[in-house]
Each structure stands twice: as structure tokens, then as C-alpha cells.
Amino acid sequence: MKTEKIFLRVTKYEKQQLIEEAVRRDMNQSELIRSFIAKLPEPNKKPS
């Protein structure tokens, strides 16, 4: 699996929410965001 970067614009308040939730779950911010993304439905597979 290829890793890709995503740049996300958030407010200071949202950033603090992210930090505190990551600390509460004992994970880093990237892991927390990946866990949120993992809850999304599978994308449709389109032929190349």
C-alpha cells in the first residue's frame, strides 16, 4: 500500500480537540485520523 500525504486545514480549537482525543486514546494524531477514515465505507471499485 502506497502512503500518501493529506494536508488538512483546521482551526486551533479543532487541532486541540484532535490532540486531546489522540492522548485519550493513547495514539498519535495520524493514527487517530486513520482510525476515523477506517470507519468510512469501502470505495466503489472502478475499472482502470
Foldseek 3Di string as FASTA:
>chain_A
DDDDDDDDDDDPVVVVVLCVVCVVVVHDSVVVVVVVVVPDDDDDDDDD
